Structure formats: structure tokens, C-alpha cells
Amino acid sequence: MDELNRLRQRYRLHFIDAVLQVVVDSRGIESVAGDLNIAGDEANAFLGLLSRELTQLEAYNWARFRLDLALTERWVSAGRPGPQRVFGEK
């Protein structure tokens, strides 16, 4: 298992919570991630992975984050509001 998959598995509930906060509450990913208390190199990797997950969030994969389909479609149609970090950026 590669490092990103281990990170995704270790922080699975954090990812779900973070995606919900960005999509439902229109919070920025830096703000959300700061509240999750993930330290060091893992915090940067978490932000990158979260950014990538949000970029790939569509009507076909919304359920993995416990989102509502209509809410996900509105968020995507609105241009994925909320400041997002470019994947891989430090």
C-alpha cells in the first residue's frame, strides 16, 4: 500500500468530515485541515490529498463522503466554491 493510501485509510473519518465542511459549510480547506490537528508532513500530505479528492468530487462518487447528490451537484455547478489548494502545492 502506498503512502497516500495509508494516509487516506488512517484519516478516513477526517477526510469525510473535511469534505462535508468544505461542500456544506463552504469552508476553505486550510481552515478545515487546521481544525483537525494533523501535524507535520502528514498535514501537508492530507491537504494535498483533500484538494485532489475535492477536485475529483462528482455526482458519481458523492456517497463515499456521505453527501447528498443534489448538494454535490449544486456545489460542482457553482464552480466548487471555497478556497482550494492546488494538489502538490506546499
PDB file of N, CA and C in Angstrom:
ATOM      1  N   MET A   1       0.857  -1.186   0.000  1.00  0.00           N
ATOM      2  CA  MET A   1       0.000   0.000   0.000  1.00  0.00           C
ATOM      3  C   MET A   1       0.895   1.238   0.000  1.00  0.00           C
ATOM      4  N   ASP A   2       0.640   2.168  -0.898  1.00  0.00           N
ATOM      5  CA  ASP A   2       1.474   3.359  -0.940  1.00  0.00           C
ATOM      6  C   ASP A   2       1.101   4.334   0.180  1.00  0.00           C
ATOM      7  N   GLU A   3       1.944   5.337   0.335  1.00  0.00           N
ATOM      8  CA  GLU A   3       1.793   6.272   1.456  1.00  0.00           C
ATOM      9  C   GLU A   3       0.465   7.033   1.426  1.00  0.00           C
ATOM     10  N   LEU A   4       0.015   7.470   0.245  1.00  0.00           N
ATOM     11  CA  LEU A   4      -1.252   8.198   0.183  1.00  0.00           C
ATOM     12  C   LEU A   4      -2.428   7.318   0.573  1.00  0.00           C
ATOM     13  N   ASN A   5      -2.405   6.061   0.185  1.00  0.00           N
ATOM     14  CA  ASN A   5      -3.486   5.157   0.597  1.00  0.00           C
ATOM     15  C   ASN A   5      -3.455   4.913   2.096  1.00  0.00           C
ATOM     16  N   ARG A   6      -2.258   4.802   2.668  1.00  0.00           N
ATOM     17  CA  ARG A   6      -2.163   4.650   4.130  1.00  0.00           C
ATOM     18  C   ARG A   6      -2.704   5.890   4.820  1.00  0.00           C
ATOM     19  N   LEU A   7      -2.367   7.053   4.279  1.00  0.00           N
ATOM     20  CA  LEU A   7      -2.858   8.309   4.856  1.00  0.00           C
ATOM     21  C   LEU A   7      -4.379   8.372   4.746  1.00  0.00           C
ATOM     22  N   ARG A   8      -4.912   8.024   3.584  1.00  0.00           N
ATOM     23  CA  ARG A   8      -6.357   8.033   3.378  1.00  0.00           C
ATOM     24  C   ARG A   8      -7.057   7.088   4.361  1.00  0.00           C
ATOM     25  N   GLN A   9      -6.459   5.927   4.561  1.00  0.00           N
ATOM     26  CA  GLN A   9      -7.052   4.954   5.484  1.00  0.00           C
ATOM     27  C   GLN A   9      -6.962   5.443   6.932  1.00  0.00           C
ATOM     28  N   ARG A  10      -5.812   5.953   7.331  1.00  0.00           N
ATOM     29  CA  ARG A  10      -5.604   6.407   8.705  1.00  0.00           C
ATOM     30  C   ARG A  10      -6.531   7.576   9.070  1.00  0.00           C
ATOM     31  N   TYR A  11      -6.758   8.464   8.116  1.00  0.00           N
ATOM     32  CA  TYR A  11      -7.565   9.660   8.386  1.00  0.00           C
ATOM     33  C   TYR A  11      -8.904   9.633   7.659  1.00  0.00           C
ATOM     34  N   ARG A  12      -9.459   8.461   7.429  1.00  0.00           N
ATOM     35  CA  ARG A  12     -10.702   8.309   6.662  1.00  0.00           C
ATOM     36  C   ARG A  12     -11.833   9.199   7.184  1.00  0.00           C
ATOM     37  N   LEU A  13     -12.066   9.154   8.477  1.00  0.00           N
ATOM     38  CA  LEU A  13     -13.146   9.971   9.044  1.00  0.00           C
ATOM     39  C   LEU A  13     -12.829  11.454   8.971  1.00  0.00           C
ATOM     40  N   HIS A  14     -11.557  11.805   9.075  1.00  0.00           N
ATOM     41  CA  HIS A  14     -11.162  13.210   8.925  1.00  0.00           C
ATOM     42  C   HIS A  14     -11.449  13.698   7.506  1.00  0.00           C
ATOM     43  N   PHE A  15     -11.195  12.840   6.503  1.00  0.00           N
ATOM     44  CA  PHE A  15     -11.480  13.215   5.120  1.00  0.00           C
ATOM     45  C   PHE A  15     -12.966  13.458   4.923  1.00  0.00           C
ATOM     46  N   ILE A  16     -13.777  12.568   5.437  1.00  0.00           N
ATOM     47  CA  ILE A  16     -15.234  12.721   5.309  1.00  0.00           C
ATOM     48  C   ILE A  16     -15.670  14.027   5.962  1.00  0.00           C
ATOM     49  N   ASP A  17     -15.191  14.273   7.175  1.00  0.00           N
ATOM     50  CA  ASP A  17     -15.553  15.495   7.896  1.00  0.00           C
ATOM     51  C   ASP A  17     -15.091  16.740   7.138  1.00  0.00           C
ATOM     52  N   ALA A  18     -13.861  16.695   6.626  1.00  0.00           N
ATOM     53  CA  ALA A  18     -13.319  17.851   5.905  1.00  0.00           C
ATOM     54  C   ALA A  18     -14.108  18.135   4.625  1.00  0.00           C
ATOM     55  N   VAL A  19     -14.428  17.103   3.862  1.00  0.00           N
ATOM     56  CA  VAL A  19     -15.197  17.291   2.625  1.00  0.00           C
ATOM     57  C   VAL A  19     -16.574  17.862   2.949  1.00  0.00           C
ATOM     58  N   LEU A  20     -17.207  17.353   3.983  1.00  0.00           N
ATOM     59  CA  LEU A  20     -18.517  17.885   4.386  1.00  0.00           C
ATOM     60  C   LEU A  20     -18.427  19.368   4.728  1.00  0.00           C
ATOM     61  N   GLN A  21     -17.391  19.746   5.476  1.00  0.00           N
ATOM     62  CA  GLN A  21     -17.248  21.151   5.858  1.00  0.00           C
ATOM     63  C   GLN A  21     -16.991  22.056   4.659  1.00  0.00           C
ATOM     64  N   VAL A  22     -16.235  21.576   3.691  1.00  0.00           N
ATOM     65  CA  VAL A  22     -15.969  22.392   2.505  1.00  0.00           C
ATOM     66  C   VAL A  22     -17.225  22.514   1.645  1.00  0.00           C
ATOM     67  N   VAL A  23     -17.898  21.394   1.394  1.00  0.00           N
ATOM     68  CA  VAL A  23     -19.044  21.400   0.487  1.00  0.00           C
ATOM     69  C   VAL A  23     -20.288  21.992   1.146  1.00  0.00           C
ATOM     70  N   VAL A  24     -20.582  21.587   2.358  1.00  0.00           N
ATOM     71  CA  VAL A  24     -21.816  22.032   3.019  1.00  0.00           C
ATOM     72  C   VAL A  24     -21.660  23.420   3.629  1.00  0.00           C
ATOM     73  N   ASP A  25     -20.525  23.650   4.309  1.00  0.00           N
ATOM     74  CA  ASP A  25     -20.338  24.907   5.041  1.00  0.00           C
ATOM     75  C   ASP A  25     -19.508  25.940   4.286  1.00  0.00           C
ATOM     76  N   SER A  26     -19.049  25.595   3.080  1.00  0.00           N
ATOM     77  CA  SER A  26     -18.239  26.496   2.248  1.00  0.00           C
ATOM     78  C   SER A  26     -16.983  26.996   2.945  1.00  0.00           C
ATOM     79  N   ARG A  27     -16.362  26.130   3.717  1.00  0.00           N
ATOM     80  CA  ARG A  27     -15.110  26.491   4.380  1.00  0.00           C
ATOM     81  C   ARG A  27     -13.936  26.167   3.468  1.00  0.00           C
ATOM     82  N   GLY A  28     -12.859  26.890   3.627  1.00  0.00           N
ATOM     83  CA  GLY A  28     -11.639  26.620   2.879  1.00  0.00           C
ATOM     84  C   GLY A  28     -10.911  25.418   3.453  1.00  0.00           C
ATOM     85  N   ILE A  29     -10.155  24.739   2.612  1.00  0.00           N
ATOM     86  CA  ILE A  29      -9.510  23.510   3.077  1.00  0.00           C
ATOM     87  C   ILE A  29      -8.415  23.785   4.110  1.00  0.00           C
ATOM     88  N   GLU A  30      -7.732  24.895   4.020  1.00  0.00           N
ATOM     89  CA  GLU A  30      -6.700  25.218   5.014  1.00  0.00           C
ATOM     90  C   GLU A  30      -7.337  25.378   6.389  1.00  0.00           C
ATOM     91  N   SER A  31      -8.471  26.062   6.442  1.00  0.00           N
ATOM     92  CA  SER A  31      -9.178  26.272   7.698  1.00  0.00           C
ATOM     93  C   SER A  31      -9.669  24.956   8.284  1.00  0.00           C
ATOM     94  N   VAL A  32     -10.261  24.135   7.430  1.00  0.00           N
ATOM     95  CA  VAL A  32     -10.781  22.839   7.873  1.00  0.00           C
ATOM     96  C   VAL A  32      -9.653  21.955   8.379  1.00  0.00           C
ATOM     97  N   ALA A  33      -8.594  21.849   7.606  1.00  0.00           N
ATOM     98  CA  ALA A  33      -7.479  20.981   7.987  1.00  0.00           C
ATOM     99  C   ALA A  33      -6.831  21.449   9.285  1.00  0.00           C
ATOM    100  N   GLY A  34      -6.777  22.757   9.484  1.00  0.00           N
ATOM    101  CA  GLY A  34      -6.210  23.287  10.727  1.00  0.00           C
ATOM    102  C   GLY A  34      -6.977  22.845  11.955  1.00  0.00           C
ATOM    103  N   ASP A  35      -8.266  22.684  11.816  1.00  0.00           N
ATOM    104  CA  ASP A  35      -9.106  22.244  12.937  1.00  0.00           C
ATOM    105  C   ASP A  35      -8.954  20.760  13.250  1.00  0.00           C
ATOM    106  N   LEU A  36      -8.371  19.994  12.332  1.00  0.00           N
ATOM    107  CA  LEU A  36      -8.288  18.541  12.513  1.00  0.00           C
ATOM    108  C   LEU A  36      -7.035  18.094  13.267  1.00  0.00           C
ATOM    109  N   ASN A  37      -6.136  19.018  13.554  1.00  0.00           N
ATOM    110  CA  ASN A  37      -4.939  18.720  14.344  1.00  0.00           C
ATOM    111  C   ASN A  37      -4.100  17.579  13.774  1.00  0.00           C
ATOM    112  N   ILE A  38      -3.806  17.663  12.497  1.00  0.00           N
ATOM    113  CA  ILE A  38      -2.903  16.713  11.858  1.00  0.00           C
ATOM    114  C   ILE A  38      -1.567  17.435  11.723  1.00  0.00           C
ATOM    115  N   ALA A  39      -0.526  16.847  12.261  1.00  0.00           N
ATOM    116  CA  ALA A  39       0.737  17.563  12.383  1.00  0.00           C
ATOM    117  C   ALA A  39       1.766  17.165  11.321  1.00  0.00           C
ATOM    118  N   GLY A  40       2.722  18.060  11.139  1.00  0.00           N
ATOM    119  CA  GLY A  40       3.909  17.785  10.356  1.00  0.00           C
ATOM    120  C   GLY A  40       3.677  17.486   8.894  1.00  0.00           C
ATOM    121  N   ASP A  41       4.498  16.562   8.380  1.00  0.00           N
ATOM    122  CA  ASP A  41       4.428  16.186   6.969  1.00  0.00           C
ATOM    123  C   ASP A  41       3.068  15.597   6.606  1.00  0.00           C
ATOM    124  N   GLU A  42       2.429  14.939   7.565  1.00  0.00           N
ATOM    125  CA  GLU A  42       1.122  14.356   7.280  1.00  0.00           C
ATOM    126  C   GLU A  42       0.083  15.442   7.007  1.00  0.00           C
ATOM    127  N   ALA A  43       0.219  16.601   7.652  1.00  0.00           N
ATOM    128  CA  ALA A  43      -0.725  17.694   7.422  1.00  0.00           C
ATOM    129  C   ALA A  43      -0.648  18.169   5.981  1.00  0.00           C
ATOM    130  N   ASN A  44       0.562  18.325   5.458  1.00  0.00           N
ATOM    131  CA  ASN A  44       0.728  18.772   4.081  1.00  0.00           C
ATOM    132  C   ASN A  44       0.207  17.718   3.104  1.00  0.00           C
ATOM    133  N   ALA A  45       0.510  16.453   3.374  1.00  0.00           N
ATOM    134  CA  ALA A  45       0.017  15.365   2.524  1.00  0.00           C
ATOM    135  C   ALA A  45      -1.503  15.286   2.593  1.00  0.00           C
ATOM    136  N   PHE A  46      -2.067  15.494   3.780  1.00  0.00           N
ATOM    137  CA  PHE A  46      -3.522  15.483   3.951  1.00  0.00           C
ATOM    138  C   PHE A  46      -4.158  16.589   3.114  1.00  0.00           C
ATOM    139  N   LEU A  47      -3.589  17.787   3.160  1.00  0.00           N
ATOM    140  CA  LEU A  47      -4.117  18.905   2.371  1.00  0.00           C
ATOM    141  C   LEU A  47      -4.067  18.609   0.873  1.00  0.00           C
ATOM    142  N   GLY A  48      -2.970  18.053   0.425  1.00  0.00           N
ATOM    143  CA  GLY A  48      -2.854  17.712  -0.985  1.00  0.00           C
ATOM    144  C   GLY A  48      -3.876  16.676  -1.405  1.00  0.00           C
ATOM    145  N   LEU A  49      -4.037  15.649  -0.581  1.00  0.00           N
ATOM    146  CA  LEU A  49      -5.000  14.603  -0.891  1.00  0.00           C
ATOM    147  C   LEU A  49      -6.431  15.132  -0.813  1.00  0.00           C
ATOM    148  N   LEU A  50      -6.705  15.973   0.175  1.00  0.00           N
ATOM    149  CA  LEU A  50      -8.039  16.571   0.291  1.00  0.00           C
ATOM    150  C   LEU A  50      -8.350  17.422  -0.935  1.00  0.00           C
ATOM    151  N   SER A  51      -7.382  18.209  -1.371  1.00  0.00           N
ATOM    152  CA  SER A  51      -7.564  19.033  -2.563  1.00  0.00           C
ATOM    153  C   SER A  51      -7.877  18.166  -3.778  1.00  0.00           C
ATOM    154  N   ARG A  52      -7.131  17.081  -3.921  1.00  0.00           N
ATOM    155  CA  ARG A  52      -7.361  16.186  -5.059  1.00  0.00           C
ATOM    156  C   ARG A  52      -8.741  15.535  -4.982  1.00  0.00           C
ATOM    157  N   GLU A  53      -9.144  15.101  -3.785  1.00  0.00           N
ATOM    158  CA  GLU A  53     -10.467  14.490  -3.618  1.00  0.00           C
ATOM    159  C   GLU A  53     -11.574  15.472  -3.984  1.00  0.00           C
ATOM    160  N   LEU A  54     -11.416  16.726  -3.569  1.00  0.00           N
ATOM    161  CA  LEU A  54     -12.432  17.739  -3.880  1.00  0.00           C
ATOM    162  C   LEU A  54     -12.465  18.052  -5.371  1.00  0.00           C
ATOM    163  N   THR A  55     -11.314  18.049  -6.006  1.00  0.00           N
ATOM    164  CA  THR A  55     -11.242  18.285  -7.447  1.00  0.00           C
ATOM    165  C   THR A  55     -11.937  17.170  -8.213  1.00  0.00           C
ATOM    166  N   GLN A  56     -11.865  15.952  -7.681  1.00  0.00           N
ATOM    167  CA  GLN A  56     -12.449  14.792  -8.351  1.00  0.00           C
ATOM    168  C   GLN A  56     -13.875  14.494  -7.903  1.00  0.00           C
ATOM    169  N   LEU A  57     -14.395  15.258  -6.949  1.00  0.00           N
ATOM    170  CA  LEU A  57     -15.751  15.013  -6.458  1.00  0.00           C
ATOM    171  C   LEU A  57     -16.774  15.331  -7.545  1.00  0.00           C
ATOM    172  N   GLU A  58     -17.595  14.353  -7.855  1.00  0.00           N
ATOM    173  CA  GLU A  58     -18.614  14.484  -8.895  1.00  0.00           C
ATOM    174  C   GLU A  58     -19.894  13.784  -8.446  1.00  0.00           C
ATOM    175  N   ALA A  59     -20.896  13.839  -9.294  1.00  0.00           N
ATOM    176  CA  ALA A  59     -22.183  13.223  -8.991  1.00  0.00           C
ATOM    177  C   ALA A  59     -22.100  11.709  -8.859  1.00  0.00           C
ATOM    178  N   TYR A  60     -21.054  11.092  -9.419  1.00  0.00           N
ATOM    179  CA  TYR A  60     -20.960   9.635  -9.354  1.00  0.00           C
ATOM    180  C   TYR A  60     -20.231   9.119  -8.108  1.00  0.00           C
ATOM    181  N   ASN A  61     -19.524   9.973  -7.365  1.00  0.00           N
ATOM    182  CA  ASN A  61     -18.792   9.488  -6.199  1.00  0.00           C
ATOM    183  C   ASN A  61     -19.114  10.238  -4.906  1.00  0.00           C
ATOM    184  N   TRP A  62     -20.221  10.937  -4.866  1.00  0.00           N
ATOM    185  CA  TRP A  62     -20.609  11.738  -3.715  1.00  0.00           C
ATOM    186  C   TRP A  62     -20.882  10.904  -2.468  1.00  0.00           C
ATOM    187  N   ALA A  63     -21.369   9.683  -2.624  1.00  0.00           N
ATOM    188  CA  ALA A  63     -21.793   8.875  -1.478  1.00  0.00           C
ATOM    189  C   ALA A  63     -20.624   8.492  -0.574  1.00  0.00           C
ATOM    190  N   ARG A  64     -19.436   8.374  -1.116  1.00  0.00           N
ATOM    191  CA  ARG A  64     -18.297   7.977  -0.273  1.00  0.00           C
ATOM    192  C   ARG A  64     -18.010   9.005   0.809  1.00  0.00           C
ATOM    193  N   PHE A  65     -18.476  10.231   0.601  1.00  0.00           N
ATOM    194  CA  PHE A  65     -18.286  11.289   1.592  1.00  0.00           C
ATOM    195  C   PHE A  65     -19.574  11.621   2.351  1.00  0.00           C
ATOM    196  N   ARG A  66     -20.569  10.782   2.192  1.00  0.00           N
ATOM    197  CA  ARG A  66     -21.852  10.934   2.903  1.00  0.00           C
ATOM    198  C   ARG A  66     -22.520  12.270   2.573  1.00  0.00           C
ATOM    199  N   LEU A  67     -22.417  12.645   1.315  1.00  0.00           N
ATOM    200  CA  LEU A  67     -23.039  13.873   0.837  1.00  0.00           C
ATOM    201  C   LEU A  67     -24.365  13.563   0.169  1.00  0.00           C
ATOM    202  N   ASP A  68     -25.174  14.561   0.016  1.00  0.00           N
ATOM    203  CA  ASP A  68     -26.417  14.468  -0.721  1.00  0.00           C
ATOM    204  C   ASP A  68     -26.109  14.733  -2.197  1.00  0.00           C
ATOM    205  N   LEU A  69     -26.729  13.967  -3.088  1.00  0.00           N
ATOM    206  CA  LEU A  69     -26.467  14.118  -4.517  1.00  0.00           C
ATOM    207  C   LEU A  69     -26.788  15.526  -5.007  1.00  0.00           C
ATOM    208  N   ALA A  70     -27.945  16.053  -4.640  1.00  0.00           N
ATOM    209  CA  ALA A  70     -28.338  17.388  -5.106  1.00  0.00           C
ATOM    210  C   ALA A  70     -27.365  18.455  -4.593  1.00  0.00           C
ATOM    211  N   LEU A  71     -26.932  18.340  -3.355  1.00  0.00           N
ATOM    212  CA  LEU A  71     -25.981  19.291  -2.788  1.00  0.00           C
ATOM    213  C   LEU A  71     -24.650  19.218  -3.531  1.00  0.00           C
ATOM    214  N   THR A  72     -24.199  18.022  -3.817  1.00  0.00           N
ATOM    215  CA  THR A  72     -22.946  17.844  -4.547  1.00  0.00           C
ATOM    216  C   THR A  72     -23.052  18.453  -5.938  1.00  0.00           C
ATOM    217  N   GLU A  73     -24.137  18.208  -6.630  1.00  0.00           N
ATOM    218  CA  GLU A  73     -24.318  18.771  -7.971  1.00  0.00           C
ATOM    219  C   GLU A  73     -24.341  20.293  -7.935  1.00  0.00           C
ATOM    220  N   ARG A  74     -25.007  20.884  -6.930  1.00  0.00           N
ATOM    221  CA  ARG A  74     -25.042  22.354  -6.802  1.00  0.00           C
ATOM    222  C   ARG A  74     -23.636  22.897  -6.555  1.00  0.00           C
ATOM    223  N   TRP A  75     -22.883  22.221  -5.685  1.00  0.00           N
ATOM    224  CA  TRP A  75     -21.531  22.669  -5.355  1.00  0.00           C
ATOM    225  C   TRP A  75     -20.634  22.612  -6.589  1.00  0.00           C
ATOM    226  N   VAL A  76     -20.703  21.537  -7.338  1.00  0.00           N
ATOM    227  CA  VAL A  76     -19.896  21.398  -8.555  1.00  0.00           C
ATOM    228  C   VAL A  76     -20.330  22.443  -9.581  1.00  0.00           C
ATOM    229  N   SER A  77     -21.642  22.612  -9.773  1.00  0.00           N
ATOM    230  CA  SER A  77     -22.159  23.591 -10.741  1.00  0.00           C
ATOM    231  C   SER A  77     -21.777  25.021 -10.379  1.00  0.00           C
ATOM    232  N   ALA A  78     -21.634  25.284  -9.085  1.00  0.00           N
ATOM    233  CA  ALA A  78     -21.264  26.625  -8.628  1.00  0.00           C
ATOM    234  C   ALA A  78     -19.763  26.877  -8.765  1.00  0.00           C
ATOM    235  N   GLY A  79     -19.039  25.917  -9.317  1.00  0.00           N
ATOM    236  CA  GLY A  79     -17.606  26.102  -9.522  1.00  0.00           C
ATOM    237  C   GLY A  79     -16.759  25.657  -8.349  1.00  0.00           C
ATOM    238  N   ARG A  80     -17.305  24.792  -7.509  1.00  0.00           N
ATOM    239  CA  ARG A  80     -16.582  24.250  -6.353  1.00  0.00           C
ATOM    240  C   ARG A  80     -16.095  25.375  -5.447  1.00  0.00           C
ATOM    241  N   PRO A  81     -17.029  26.155  -4.893  1.00  0.00           N
ATOM    242  CA  PRO A  81     -16.650  27.334  -4.111  1.00  0.00           C
ATOM    243  C   PRO A  81     -15.844  26.998  -2.868  1.00  0.00           C
ATOM    244  N   GLY A  82     -15.084  27.963  -2.457  1.00  0.00           N
ATOM    245  CA  GLY A  82     -14.222  27.813  -1.292  1.00  0.00           C
ATOM    246  C   GLY A  82     -12.781  27.738  -1.759  1.00  0.00           C
ATOM    247  N   PRO A  83     -11.904  28.421  -1.059  1.00  0.00           N
ATOM    248  CA  PRO A  83     -10.509  28.404  -1.480  1.00  0.00           C
ATOM    249  C   PRO A  83      -9.975  26.984  -1.450  1.00  0.00           C
ATOM    250  N   GLN A  84      -9.349  26.588  -2.530  1.00  0.00           N
ATOM    251  CA  GLN A  84      -8.776  25.254  -2.610  1.00  0.00           C
ATOM    252  C   GLN A  84      -7.309  25.353  -2.954  1.00  0.00           C
ATOM    253  N   ARG A  85      -6.574  24.459  -2.440  1.00  0.00           N
ATOM    254  CA  ARG A  85      -5.148  24.376  -2.674  1.00  0.00           C
ATOM    255  C   ARG A  85      -4.902  23.481  -3.879  1.00  0.00           C
ATOM    256  N   VAL A  86      -3.960  23.828  -4.677  1.00  0.00           N
ATOM    257  CA  VAL A  86      -3.620  23.010  -5.835  1.00  0.00           C
ATOM    258  C   VAL A  86      -2.867  21.782  -5.346  1.00  0.00           C
ATOM    259  N   PHE A  87      -3.264  20.600  -5.814  1.00  0.00           N
ATOM    260  CA  PHE A  87      -2.636  19.366  -5.376  1.00  0.00           C
ATOM    261  C   PHE A  87      -1.128  19.422  -5.609  1.00  0.00           C
ATOM    262  N   GLY A  88      -0.386  19.050  -4.571  1.00  0.00           N
ATOM    263  CA  GLY A  88       1.054  19.014  -4.667  1.00  0.00           C
ATOM    264  C   GLY A  88       1.727  20.310  -4.233  1.00  0.00           C
ATOM    265  N   GLU A  89       0.960  21.347  -4.021  1.00  0.00           N
ATOM    266  CA  GLU A  89       1.497  22.645  -3.609  1.00  0.00           C
ATOM    267  C   GLU A  89       1.830  22.595  -2.127  1.00  0.00           C
ATOM    268  N   LYS A  90       2.918  23.231  -1.727  1.00  0.00           N
ATOM    269  CA  LYS A  90       3.303  23.241  -0.302  1.00  0.00           C
ATOM    270  C   LYS A  90       3.051  24.562   0.328  1.00  0.00           C
TER     271      LYS A  90
END
